[in-house]
Amino acid sequence: MNRLRLEYCVDNLIMAYISGFFPMADSITNEIKYYSPDYRAVFPIYSIKPHRSFKQFIKQNPMTTTINKDFHFVINACANRKDTWISSKIIDWYTALYQYGFANSIEVWYENEIVGGLYGVVIGGAFFGESMFNYIPNASKIAFYFLVEHLKEKKFELLDSQFINEHTKLLGAIEIPRDDYLILLKRAVKLERSFI
C-alpha cells in the first residue's frame, strides 16, 4: 500500500470510529460493511475486576504481558479461525492504523511464545476492542484484564466491545443504546490520552 493510499485509509477509518461506525468483512464473500448497532456493547472500565479464582489462576500460571511487541502476529492469530470477519484487507487496514499509532496489541507470553492477546484502536480516551485469541486456556482473559488495568492507569473513559457475545458478557460487557454510546464516544475521543 503506497503512502497516499495508506493515509487515505487511516483517515477514513478514524472518521468512521469517531462517528460511531466500525468495519467488518463477511466471512464468506469478504465484502466489508460498516456497522453502528442500535445497542452497543461496552465495558464499564472502572468497575471491571477479575474474579478471585482468576487471580489465583494467574498466580499459579505466571505469564508475561507486553504492548505492541508483535501486532502482526496478534491480528493474524485473531483472524485464524473458521469463520472470521478479519479479511486480508481488514488486516492491511489495521496494520496501517498500527503504523500510524492508532492501533495497538497486547501479547500474552508463556515460555517465550505468544499464547494469547488482543488488539484494538485508540482515539483520544477511547479504546475500541477488535478481537482476541488464545492458544492456551485463559490467555485472552489475561490480555483483557491487563488492558483494563492499563486503561484505568491511563485514565481512558471508553472501552468499546461493539457487539455483545457470551464471552464478552462473562467479562463484564453491557449493552447501551446507540444514542447513549454516541454521547460517551463524543466525550472520550476529545480527551488527550496516551495509550503507551
Protein backbone atom coordinates (compact mmCIF):
# COMPACT_ATOMS: atom_id res chain seq x y z
CA MET A 1 0.00 0.00 0.00
CA ASN A 2 1.57 3.32 -1.05
CA ARG A 3 1.82 6.21 1.41
CA LEU A 4 -1.02 8.28 -0.07
CA ARG A 5 -3.40 5.31 -0.03
CA LEU A 6 -2.25 4.45 3.49
CA GLU A 7 -3.08 7.94 4.78
CA TYR A 8 -6.47 7.92 3.00
CA CYS A 9 -7.30 4.51 4.54
CA VAL A 10 -6.30 5.68 8.04
CA ASP A 11 -8.29 8.93 7.75
CA ASN A 12 -11.42 7.06 6.63
CA LEU A 13 -11.19 4.56 9.47
CA ILE A 14 -10.67 7.26 12.10
CA MET A 15 -13.66 9.22 10.77
CA ALA A 16 -15.78 6.05 10.90
CA TYR A 17 -14.84 5.32 14.51
CA ILE A 18 -15.46 8.84 15.78
CA SER A 19 -18.85 8.75 14.03
CA GLY A 20 -19.81 5.51 15.81
CA PHE A 21 -19.15 3.02 12.98
CA PHE A 22 -16.76 0.08 12.63
CA PRO A 23 -15.97 -2.20 9.66
CA MET A 24 -16.35 -5.97 9.40
CA ALA A 25 -15.80 -8.29 6.46
CA ASP A 26 -18.29 -11.02 5.54
CA SER A 27 -16.71 -14.38 6.41
CA ILE A 28 -17.72 -15.89 3.04
CA THR A 29 -17.64 -13.06 0.48
CA ASN A 30 -15.03 -10.84 2.24
CA GLU A 31 -17.25 -7.83 1.44
CA ILE A 32 -16.62 -5.11 4.03
CA LYS A 33 -19.53 -3.25 5.57
CA TYR A 34 -19.70 -0.61 8.30
CA TYR A 35 -21.90 -1.11 11.36
CA SER A 36 -23.41 1.11 14.03
CA PRO A 37 -25.75 -1.18 16.01
CA ASP A 38 -28.84 0.09 17.82
CA TYR A 39 -27.32 -1.27 21.05
CA ARG A 40 -23.58 -1.04 21.55
CA ALA A 41 -21.54 -3.33 23.81
CA VAL A 42 -19.16 -1.52 26.17
CA PHE A 43 -17.14 -2.42 29.24
CA PRO A 44 -17.59 -0.15 32.28
CA ILE A 45 -13.81 0.19 32.74
CA TYR A 46 -13.72 1.30 36.36
CA SER A 47 -15.97 -1.44 37.72
CA ILE A 48 -14.33 -4.40 35.92
CA LYS A 49 -12.34 -6.68 38.23
CA PRO A 50 -11.13 -10.26 37.77
CA HIS A 51 -12.80 -12.90 39.94
CA ARG A 52 -10.87 -14.22 42.92
CA SER A 53 -10.48 -17.62 41.25
CA PHE A 54 -8.92 -15.98 38.19
CA LYS A 55 -6.42 -14.09 40.35
CA GLN A 56 -5.48 -17.47 41.81
CA PHE A 57 -5.08 -18.89 38.30
CA ILE A 58 -2.68 -16.07 37.38
CA LYS A 59 -0.57 -16.75 40.49
CA GLN A 60 -0.34 -20.44 39.62
CA ASN A 61 0.35 -19.85 35.90
CA PRO A 62 2.81 -16.98 35.58
CA MET A 63 2.63 -15.35 32.16
CA THR A 64 4.00 -12.03 30.97
CA THR A 65 2.19 -9.33 29.04
CA THR A 66 3.58 -6.82 26.55
CA ILE A 67 2.24 -3.99 24.42
CA ASN A 68 2.92 -3.77 20.67
CA LYS A 69 5.70 -6.35 20.62
CA ASP A 70 4.14 -8.22 17.68
CA PHE A 71 0.99 -6.57 16.32
CA HIS A 72 1.21 -8.54 13.07
CA PHE A 73 1.25 -11.88 14.94
CA VAL A 74 -1.74 -10.90 17.09
CA ILE A 75 -4.02 -9.70 14.29
CA ASN A 76 -3.22 -12.77 12.19
CA ALA A 77 -3.85 -15.08 15.16
CA CYS A 78 -7.22 -13.35 15.72
CA ALA A 79 -8.07 -13.89 12.03
CA ASN A 80 -7.02 -17.54 12.02
CA ARG A 81 -10.37 -19.22 12.68
CA LYS A 82 -13.00 -20.96 10.60
CA ASP A 83 -15.46 -18.05 10.50
CA THR A 84 -13.80 -14.65 10.67
CA TRP A 85 -14.67 -11.06 9.86
CA ILE A 86 -10.93 -10.24 9.71
CA SER A 87 -10.16 -10.49 5.99
CA SER A 88 -6.78 -9.80 4.39
CA LYS A 89 -7.98 -6.28 3.55
CA ILE A 90 -9.01 -5.72 7.19
CA ILE A 91 -5.53 -6.88 8.24
CA ASP A 92 -3.99 -4.34 5.82
CA TRP A 93 -6.22 -1.55 7.14
CA TYR A 94 -5.46 -2.19 10.80
CA THR A 95 -1.78 -2.66 10.12
CA ALA A 96 -1.90 0.83 8.58
CA LEU A 97 -3.62 2.12 11.75
CA TYR A 98 -0.88 0.47 13.80
CA GLN A 99 1.85 2.10 11.68
CA TYR A 100 0.25 5.50 12.32
CA GLY A 101 -0.10 4.88 16.06
CA PHE A 102 -3.88 4.33 16.20
CA ALA A 103 -3.93 0.54 16.71
CA ASN A 104 -2.29 -1.41 19.50
CA SER A 105 -1.82 -5.01 20.51
CA ILE A 106 -1.38 -6.80 23.79
CA GLU A 107 0.54 -10.05 23.82
CA VAL A 108 0.50 -12.75 26.49
CA TRP A 109 3.67 -14.83 26.67
CA TYR A 110 4.41 -18.22 28.18
CA GLU A 111 7.85 -19.78 27.87
CA ASN A 112 8.95 -17.26 25.20
CA GLU A 113 5.90 -17.85 22.98
CA ILE A 114 2.81 -15.72 22.42
CA VAL A 115 -0.14 -17.75 23.71
CA GLY A 116 -2.87 -15.12 23.65
CA GLY A 117 -3.63 -11.50 23.01
CA LEU A 118 -5.91 -8.84 21.65
CA TYR A 119 -5.81 -5.73 19.50
CA GLY A 120 -7.83 -2.57 19.16
CA VAL A 121 -7.99 1.02 18.01
CA VAL A 122 -7.16 4.04 20.18
CA ILE A 123 -8.57 7.53 19.61
CA GLY A 124 -8.27 10.03 22.45
CA GLY A 125 -9.56 8.36 25.62
CA ALA A 126 -11.39 5.58 23.78
CA PHE A 127 -10.19 2.03 23.13
CA PHE A 128 -12.17 0.12 20.52
CA GLY A 129 -11.61 -3.58 21.17
CA GLU A 130 -11.47 -5.52 17.92
CA SER A 131 -10.63 -9.15 18.62
CA MET A 132 -8.81 -11.51 20.96
CA PHE A 133 -7.42 -15.03 20.80
CA ASN A 134 -5.80 -17.67 22.97
CA TYR A 135 -3.75 -20.78 22.33
CA ILE A 136 -3.96 -21.90 25.95
CA PRO A 137 -6.98 -21.52 28.28
CA ASN A 138 -7.49 -18.10 29.84
CA ALA A 139 -4.66 -16.37 27.95
CA SER A 140 -7.09 -13.95 26.28
CA LYS A 141 -8.58 -13.16 29.70
CA ILE A 142 -5.12 -12.23 30.95
CA ALA A 143 -4.76 -9.88 27.97
CA PHE A 144 -8.19 -8.39 28.69
CA TYR A 145 -7.61 -7.73 32.39
CA PHE A 146 -4.18 -6.31 31.63
CA LEU A 147 -5.86 -3.97 29.12
CA VAL A 148 -8.48 -2.85 31.66
CA GLU A 149 -5.86 -2.04 34.31
CA HIS A 150 -3.77 -0.22 31.70
CA LEU A 151 -6.78 1.87 30.61
CA LYS A 152 -7.53 2.75 34.23
CA GLU A 153 -3.94 3.86 34.74
CA LYS A 154 -4.07 5.99 31.57
CA LYS A 155 -7.48 7.46 32.55
CA PHE A 156 -9.41 6.26 29.50
CA GLU A 157 -13.18 6.67 29.52
CA LEU A 158 -14.49 4.25 26.90
CA LEU A 159 -13.80 0.59 26.22
CA ASP A 160 -15.93 -0.37 23.23
CA SER A 161 -16.76 -4.03 22.54
CA GLN A 162 -19.03 -3.42 19.51
CA PHE A 163 -21.43 -6.43 19.57
CA ILE A 164 -22.04 -8.36 22.76
CA ASN A 165 -21.45 -12.12 22.89
CA GLU A 166 -21.32 -14.77 25.61
CA HIS A 167 -17.58 -14.36 26.14
CA THR A 168 -17.63 -10.56 26.47
CA LYS A 169 -20.74 -10.75 28.66
CA LEU A 170 -18.86 -13.02 31.06
CA LEU A 171 -16.03 -10.48 31.14
CA GLY A 172 -18.49 -7.75 32.14
CA ALA A 173 -19.71 -6.18 28.88
CA ILE A 174 -23.06 -4.43 28.91
CA GLU A 175 -25.25 -3.03 26.12
CA ILE A 176 -26.28 0.61 25.93
CA PRO A 177 -28.50 2.40 23.39
CA ARG A 178 -26.69 3.93 20.41
CA ASP A 179 -27.63 7.50 21.45
CA ASP A 180 -26.05 6.99 24.89
CA TYR A 181 -23.00 5.42 23.26
CA LEU A 182 -22.56 8.39 20.91
CA ILE A 183 -22.58 10.78 23.88
CA LEU A 184 -19.85 8.73 25.60
CA LEU A 185 -17.93 8.45 22.35
CA LYS A 186 -18.00 12.18 21.59
CA ARG A 187 -16.55 12.99 25.02
CA ALA A 188 -13.96 10.19 25.04
CA VAL A 189 -12.39 10.85 21.62
CA LYS A 190 -11.76 14.50 22.54
CA LEU A 191 -9.64 13.58 25.56
CA GLU A 192 -5.89 13.89 25.34
CA ARG A 193 -4.70 10.47 26.40
CA SER A 194 -1.69 8.35 25.51
CA PHE A 195 -2.01 4.55 25.37
CA ILE A 196 1.74 3.89 25.51
